[in-house]
Protein backbone atom coordinates (compact mmCIF):
# COMPACT_ATOMS: atom_id res chain seq x y z
CA MET A 1 11.61 -13.29 -121.01
CA ASN A 2 13.47 -11.37 -122.81
CA ILE A 3 17.83 -11.78 -122.34
CA GLU A 4 19.87 -9.36 -122.30
CA ALA A 5 24.04 -9.66 -122.44
CA PRO A 6 26.77 -8.15 -122.81
CA ILE A 7 29.68 -9.72 -126.02
CA LYS A 8 33.50 -9.72 -125.47
CA ASP A 9 33.12 -5.41 -126.83
CA GLY A 10 30.47 -4.35 -124.79
CA ALA A 11 27.54 -5.39 -127.63
CA PRO A 12 24.03 -6.27 -125.69
CA VAL A 13 22.81 -9.16 -127.15
CA SER A 14 19.49 -9.69 -127.04
CA PHE A 15 17.50 -12.71 -127.43
CA GLU A 16 13.54 -14.44 -126.64
CA LEU A 17 12.75 -17.29 -124.25
CA GLY A 18 11.41 -19.81 -123.48
CA HIS A 19 9.30 -20.10 -127.71
CA ASP A 20 11.43 -21.66 -128.94
CA TYR A 21 12.34 -24.38 -127.08
CA PRO A 22 9.41 -26.61 -126.74
CA GLU A 23 11.37 -30.32 -126.02
CA LEU A 24 13.37 -28.67 -123.27
CA ARG A 25 9.99 -27.77 -121.46
CA GLU A 26 8.70 -31.06 -122.71
CA SER A 27 11.81 -33.27 -121.62
CA VAL A 28 11.21 -31.06 -117.84
CA ARG A 29 7.99 -32.24 -117.71
CA ARG A 30 8.84 -35.98 -117.87
CA ILE A 31 11.38 -36.02 -114.79
CA CYS A 32 9.11 -33.34 -112.86
CA GLU A 33 6.44 -37.29 -113.79
CA LYS A 34 8.29 -39.44 -113.25
CA TYR A 35 9.86 -38.50 -109.33
CA PRO A 36 6.79 -36.40 -108.18
CA ASN A 37 7.58 -36.42 -104.58
CA LYS A 38 11.10 -35.26 -105.14
CA SER A 39 12.41 -31.85 -104.03
CA ASN A 40 13.34 -29.30 -107.05
CA LYS A 41 16.66 -29.22 -106.15
CA ASP A 42 16.63 -33.00 -106.70
CA LEU A 43 14.64 -31.88 -110.21
CA ILE A 44 16.69 -29.64 -111.00
CA LYS A 45 19.85 -31.70 -111.07
CA LEU A 46 17.82 -34.83 -112.27
CA CYS A 47 17.46 -32.31 -115.39
CA GLU A 48 21.13 -31.04 -115.15
CA ASP A 49 22.06 -34.68 -115.41
CA ALA A 50 20.26 -35.11 -118.82
CA GLY A 51 21.56 -32.31 -120.47
CA ILE A 52 19.26 -29.34 -119.37
CA SER A 53 21.66 -25.97 -118.36
CA ARG A 54 20.51 -25.37 -114.46
CA SER A 55 18.97 -22.59 -115.38
CA THR A 56 16.14 -23.69 -117.64
CA ALA A 57 15.50 -26.63 -114.97
CA SER A 58 15.37 -23.80 -112.54
CA VAL A 59 12.96 -22.12 -114.48
CA GLN A 60 11.04 -25.57 -115.94
CA VAL A 61 10.59 -27.36 -112.66
CA SER A 62 8.82 -23.92 -110.87
CA ARG A 63 6.86 -23.78 -113.77
CA PHE A 64 5.86 -27.38 -113.48
CA LYS A 65 5.58 -27.10 -109.61
CA SER A 66 3.23 -24.71 -109.82
CA ALA A 67 0.81 -25.15 -112.62
CA ARG A 68 0.57 -29.04 -110.69
CA LYS A 69 -0.76 -27.16 -106.99
């Protein structure tokens, strides 16, 4: 996934997400496995409590649960 966002002077900044942070994916995976019956909302909250951003947690929880189906 490629993200673009404007900075103060209006110039866009672009960076790639998903491939550089395997430790975040692993942390979310461990939380999801520890609490298999929790809702996505509850899992995202647990991830946030562990210091993972809401947006990262949301994407990774959804991916984890989709892969488990």
